């Protein structure tokens, strides 16, 4: 795996609550889940099972309910578009923002590495909050022309043609399951070869789609955020300081502080 990806996924120092996000895109049966398991296995290998909590779910909201105090939390969200759809209502949009906010800011440890791995068969329909991961991994091209045009825009024509060959070989010759095209947010695109076959992940937590029935919340955390202040939360989730948010949005520092405090208080009620 390229050194830049490893540097991003496995920071040398965990001196804060660090968020790392990966999105894996591909058709059914192309090896997306295997790749997610492989990445999760690297965390288990590097940090040890006693320090890593691996959670598998189709709903990010439900998965975060299983977060614990281990220093490394790995969330595998399969069929991500089902609950993280780009056409969601405004109220659900607030929920998604709250989910991300909760993940980073309500993690119980002082320092931790929080890893989200989203898996999807549809790229354009995935909400931009999840689609814009710093690491995008494409296992195949897709059927929808709009999806493929978006993928082409991300990886360029040369790598799109290479991805088309990989797709053809997977479904006509039963080979190249171990290959993918990777796009990094800071520019590079490259072929990822020799992805190992993973049979199982020890101690993985599988979360049912029904959510937390006991408290009746169904894994949803609803937080009221005025539309004009949504960027404050998104920028804070991206690690921006209050002053950086002020410079980018023009919103007064006092207001930014109040918005973040209010959202934190609402989340803590859950």
Protein backbone atom coordinates (compact mmCIF):
# COMPACT_ATOMS: atom_id res chain seq x y z
CA UNK A 1 0.00 0.00 0.00
CA UNK A 2 1.28 3.48 -0.86
CA UNK A 3 3.20 5.17 1.94
CA UNK A 4 0.94 8.24 1.86
CA UNK A 5 -2.12 6.12 2.60
CA UNK A 6 -0.36 4.41 5.49
CA UNK A 7 0.73 7.78 6.89
CA UNK A 8 -2.88 8.96 6.79
CA UNK A 9 -4.48 5.81 8.17
CA UNK A 10 -1.81 5.12 10.81
CA UNK A 11 -0.57 8.44 12.23
CA UNK A 12 2.73 8.21 14.11
CA UNK A 13 1.22 9.90 17.15
CA UNK A 14 -2.34 9.81 18.45
CA UNK A 15 -2.23 13.05 20.39
CA UNK A 16 -5.88 14.03 19.92
CA UNK A 17 -9.19 12.52 18.86
CA UNK A 18 -8.21 11.85 15.25
CA UNK A 19 -10.76 11.05 12.55
CA UNK A 20 -9.74 8.99 9.53
CA UNK A 21 -12.22 8.21 6.75
CA UNK A 22 -12.16 5.80 3.80
CA UNK A 23 -14.88 5.19 1.20
CA UNK A 24 -14.88 1.98 -0.87
CA UNK A 25 -16.94 1.95 -4.09
CA UNK A 26 -17.79 -1.01 -6.31
CA UNK A 27 -20.40 -3.39 -7.68
CA UNK A 28 -21.75 -6.32 -5.70
CA UNK A 29 -19.29 -9.16 -5.27
CA UNK A 30 -16.23 -7.13 -6.20
CA UNK A 31 -14.45 -7.54 -2.86
CA UNK A 32 -15.41 -4.29 -1.11
CA UNK A 33 -16.16 -5.89 2.25
CA UNK A 34 -13.02 -8.01 2.04
CA UNK A 35 -10.99 -4.84 1.54
CA UNK A 36 -12.68 -3.22 4.54
CA UNK A 37 -11.86 -6.30 6.64
CA UNK A 38 -8.27 -6.16 5.41
CA UNK A 39 -7.95 -2.53 6.53
CA UNK A 40 -9.53 -3.35 9.89
CA UNK A 41 -7.10 -6.24 10.23
CA UNK A 42 -4.17 -3.87 9.77
CA UNK A 43 -5.35 -1.89 12.79
CA UNK A 44 -5.69 -5.07 14.84
CA UNK A 45 -2.21 -6.15 13.76
CA UNK A 46 -0.59 -2.79 14.51
CA UNK A 47 -2.27 -1.93 17.82
CA UNK A 48 -3.43 -5.32 19.10
CA UNK A 49 -7.00 -6.64 19.68
CA UNK A 50 -7.06 -5.25 23.21
CA UNK A 51 -6.79 -1.71 21.88
CA UNK A 52 -9.02 -1.92 18.77
CA UNK A 53 -12.83 -1.99 18.60
CA UNK A 54 -14.15 -3.07 15.16
CA UNK A 55 -17.85 -2.47 14.47
CA UNK A 56 -19.78 -3.56 11.35
CA UNK A 57 -23.19 -2.07 10.52
CA UNK A 58 -25.32 -0.73 7.69
CA UNK A 59 -26.18 2.36 9.73
CA UNK A 60 -23.59 4.77 11.06
CA UNK A 61 -26.06 5.93 13.72
CA UNK A 62 -26.40 2.42 15.07
CA UNK A 63 -22.68 1.69 14.86
CA UNK A 64 -21.65 4.59 17.08
CA UNK A 65 -23.81 3.20 19.88
CA UNK A 66 -21.22 0.40 20.18
CA UNK A 67 -18.27 2.74 20.55
CA UNK A 68 -16.21 2.04 23.68
CA UNK A 69 -13.09 3.42 25.38
CA UNK A 70 -10.50 1.49 23.36
CA UNK A 71 -7.97 3.86 21.76
CA UNK A 72 -8.76 2.70 18.21
CA UNK A 73 -12.35 2.56 16.95
CA UNK A 74 -12.96 1.15 13.45
CA UNK A 75 -16.46 1.56 11.97
CA UNK A 76 -17.27 -0.46 8.84
CA UNK A 77 -20.50 0.88 7.30
CA UNK A 78 -21.68 -1.48 4.55
CA UNK A 79 -24.28 -0.54 1.93
CA UNK A 80 -23.66 2.99 3.18
CA UNK A 81 -26.08 4.69 0.79
CA UNK A 82 -29.06 3.01 2.49
CA UNK A 83 -28.92 5.34 5.49
CA UNK A 84 -26.54 8.03 4.22
CA UNK A 85 -28.45 8.97 1.04
CA UNK A 86 -27.68 12.33 -0.57
CA UNK A 87 -31.38 13.10 -1.08
CA UNK A 88 -32.23 12.91 2.59
CA UNK A 89 -34.51 15.45 4.20
CA UNK A 90 -33.19 18.48 6.02
CA UNK A 91 -33.93 16.92 9.40
CA UNK A 92 -31.99 13.77 8.49
CA UNK A 93 -29.18 15.98 7.21
CA UNK A 94 -28.95 17.40 10.72
CA UNK A 95 -28.82 13.84 12.05
CA UNK A 96 -25.85 13.00 9.86
CA UNK A 97 -23.96 16.07 11.03
CA UNK A 98 -24.76 15.15 14.62
CA UNK A 99 -23.46 11.63 14.05
CA UNK A 100 -20.09 12.90 12.90
CA UNK A 101 -20.01 15.45 15.68
CA UNK A 102 -20.76 12.77 18.25
CA UNK A 103 -18.13 10.39 16.92
CA UNK A 104 -15.25 12.81 17.42
CA UNK A 105 -16.42 14.79 20.40
CA UNK A 106 -18.24 12.24 22.53
CA UNK A 107 -15.59 9.56 22.31
CA UNK A 108 -14.90 8.83 25.97
CA UNK A 109 -11.11 8.74 25.75
CA UNK A 110 -8.89 11.81 25.81
CA UNK A 111 -7.00 10.57 22.76
CA UNK A 112 -8.13 8.12 20.13
CA UNK A 113 -8.05 7.10 16.49
CA UNK A 114 -11.57 6.97 15.01
CA UNK A 115 -11.70 5.25 11.62
CA UNK A 116 -14.78 5.17 9.38
CA UNK A 117 -14.86 2.85 6.36
CA UNK A 118 -17.91 3.39 4.15
CA UNK A 119 -18.84 0.77 1.53
CA UNK A 120 -21.22 1.59 -1.32
CA UNK A 121 -22.47 0.31 -4.68
CA UNK A 122 -23.69 3.79 -5.65
CA UNK A 123 -21.29 6.70 -5.55
CA UNK A 124 -23.18 9.82 -6.53
CA UNK A 125 -26.13 9.01 -4.25
CA UNK A 126 -23.90 8.76 -1.19
CA UNK A 127 -24.20 11.92 0.89
CA UNK A 128 -21.25 14.28 0.24
CA UNK A 129 -20.35 14.18 3.93
CA UNK A 130 -19.44 10.50 3.41
CA UNK A 131 -18.48 10.61 -0.27
CA UNK A 132 -15.69 13.13 0.29
CA UNK A 133 -13.44 10.86 2.31
CA UNK A 134 -9.75 11.75 2.05
CA UNK A 135 -9.18 8.20 0.76
CA UNK A 136 -11.47 6.94 -2.01
CA UNK A 137 -10.98 3.34 -3.17
CA UNK A 138 -12.71 2.15 -6.35
CA UNK A 139 -13.06 -1.60 -6.84
CA UNK A 140 -15.05 -1.36 -10.10
CA UNK A 141 -16.80 1.08 -12.37
CA UNK A 142 -20.58 1.19 -11.86
CA UNK A 143 -23.65 0.84 -14.09
CA UNK A 144 -25.08 4.33 -13.77
CA UNK A 145 -23.55 6.81 -16.26
CA UNK A 146 -23.74 9.61 -13.71
CA UNK A 147 -21.81 7.48 -11.21
CA UNK A 148 -19.16 6.65 -13.79
CA UNK A 149 -18.80 10.25 -14.91
CA UNK A 150 -18.21 11.28 -11.31
CA UNK A 151 -15.67 8.47 -10.83
CA UNK A 152 -13.91 9.54 -14.05
CA UNK A 153 -13.70 13.10 -12.73
CA UNK A 154 -12.04 11.83 -9.56
CA UNK A 155 -9.46 9.44 -11.05
CA UNK A 156 -8.98 10.64 -14.63
CA UNK A 157 -9.42 8.86 -17.95
CA UNK A 158 -6.32 6.62 -17.77
CA UNK A 159 -7.17 5.14 -14.40
CA UNK A 160 -10.86 4.95 -15.32
CA UNK A 161 -9.91 2.70 -18.25
CA UNK A 162 -7.75 0.60 -15.92
CA UNK A 163 -10.68 0.32 -13.50
CA UNK A 164 -12.91 -0.78 -16.40
CA UNK A 165 -10.42 -3.58 -17.17
CA UNK A 166 -10.41 -4.65 -13.53
CA UNK A 167 -14.22 -4.69 -13.59
CA UNK A 168 -14.29 -6.81 -16.74
CA UNK A 169 -11.77 -9.30 -15.34
CA UNK A 170 -13.65 -9.67 -12.07
CA UNK A 171 -16.94 -10.54 -13.73
CA UNK A 172 -15.78 -12.42 -16.83
CA UNK A 173 -12.58 -14.15 -15.71
CA UNK A 174 -12.95 -14.29 -11.93
CA UNK A 175 -9.66 -12.51 -11.36
CA UNK A 176 -8.36 -9.09 -10.24
CA UNK A 177 -10.43 -9.16 -7.05
CA UNK A 178 -7.17 -8.12 -5.40
CA UNK A 179 -6.92 -4.81 -7.27
CA UNK A 180 -8.39 -1.35 -6.79
CA UNK A 181 -7.80 2.26 -7.83
CA UNK A 182 -7.14 4.73 -5.01
CA UNK A 183 -7.71 8.50 -5.10
CA UNK A 184 -6.29 10.67 -2.33
CA UNK A 185 -7.78 14.04 -1.47
CA UNK A 186 -4.42 15.76 -1.86
CA UNK A 187 -4.00 14.60 -5.47
CA UNK A 188 -2.37 11.22 -6.15
CA UNK A 189 -4.18 8.39 -7.95
CA UNK A 190 -2.66 4.92 -8.06
CA UNK A 191 -3.31 1.20 -8.51
CA UNK A 192 -3.56 -0.80 -5.29
CA UNK A 193 -2.54 -4.42 -6.09
CA UNK A 194 -2.29 -7.63 -4.09
CA UNK A 195 -5.13 -7.05 -1.64
CA UNK A 196 -5.11 -10.22 0.52
CA UNK A 197 -8.13 -12.41 1.00
CA UNK A 198 -9.44 -12.06 4.57
CA UNK A 199 -11.48 -14.92 6.00
CA UNK A 200 -12.63 -13.31 9.25
CA UNK A 201 -12.01 -10.51 11.73
CA UNK A 202 -11.66 -11.57 15.38
CA UNK A 203 -13.96 -9.95 17.94
CA UNK A 204 -15.82 -7.85 15.36
CA UNK A 205 -19.15 -6.44 16.59
CA UNK A 206 -22.07 -6.83 14.17
CA UNK A 207 -24.83 -4.30 14.79
CA UNK A 208 -28.44 -4.98 13.80
CA UNK A 209 -30.18 -2.42 11.58
CA UNK A 210 -33.03 -1.97 14.05
CA UNK A 211 -30.91 0.17 16.36
CA UNK A 212 -31.33 0.57 20.09
CA UNK A 213 -34.83 -0.72 20.78
CA UNK A 214 -34.54 -0.41 24.54
CA UNK A 215 -34.36 3.36 24.59
CA UNK A 216 -36.59 3.80 21.56
CA UNK A 217 -34.17 6.08 19.72
CA UNK A 218 -33.39 3.59 16.95
CA UNK A 219 -29.83 4.89 16.86
CA UNK A 220 -30.90 8.38 15.79
CA UNK A 221 -29.53 11.49 17.39
CA UNK A 222 -31.59 14.49 16.35
CA UNK A 223 -29.93 17.86 16.83
CA UNK A 224 -31.38 21.20 15.84
CA UNK A 225 -28.88 23.19 13.78
CA UNK A 226 -29.90 26.35 11.97
CA UNK A 227 -29.05 26.05 8.27
CA UNK A 228 -26.77 29.11 8.32
CA UNK A 229 -24.68 27.54 11.10
CA UNK A 230 -24.27 24.10 9.53
CA UNK A 231 -20.85 25.04 8.13
CA UNK A 232 -19.67 25.80 11.67
CA UNK A 233 -20.24 22.19 12.68
CA UNK A 234 -18.82 20.73 9.47
CA UNK A 235 -15.65 22.81 9.75
CA UNK A 236 -15.28 21.91 13.42
CA UNK A 237 -15.59 18.23 12.52
CA UNK A 238 -12.85 18.72 9.95
CA UNK A 239 -10.56 19.86 12.77
CA UNK A 240 -10.71 23.63 12.21
CA UNK A 241 -10.06 25.88 15.20
CA UNK A 242 -12.66 28.46 16.23
CA UNK A 243 -10.55 31.24 14.71
CA UNK A 244 -10.18 29.34 11.44
CA UNK A 245 -13.95 28.85 11.30
CA UNK A 246 -14.39 32.59 11.94
CA UNK A 247 -12.05 33.44 9.06
CA UNK A 248 -13.76 31.02 6.64
CA UNK A 249 -17.38 31.87 7.49
CA UNK A 250 -17.27 35.42 8.84
CA UNK A 251 -19.42 34.32 11.79
CA UNK A 252 -18.43 36.03 15.07
CA UNK A 253 -16.27 33.96 17.43
CA UNK A 254 -18.79 34.29 20.25
CA UNK A 255 -21.56 32.91 18.02
CA UNK A 256 -19.38 30.01 16.87
CA UNK A 257 -18.64 29.12 20.48
CA UNK A 258 -22.34 29.22 21.37
CA UNK A 259 -23.34 27.04 18.40
CA UNK A 260 -20.78 24.36 19.23
CA UNK A 261 -21.68 24.45 22.92
CA UNK A 262 -25.40 24.15 22.16
CA UNK A 263 -24.90 21.15 19.84
CA UNK A 264 -22.65 19.46 22.42
CA UNK A 265 -25.27 19.91 25.13
CA UNK A 266 -28.02 18.48 22.91
CA UNK A 267 -25.92 15.43 22.04
CA UNK A 268 -24.93 14.78 25.64
CA UNK A 269 -28.63 14.38 26.51
CA UNK A 270 -28.52 11.11 24.56
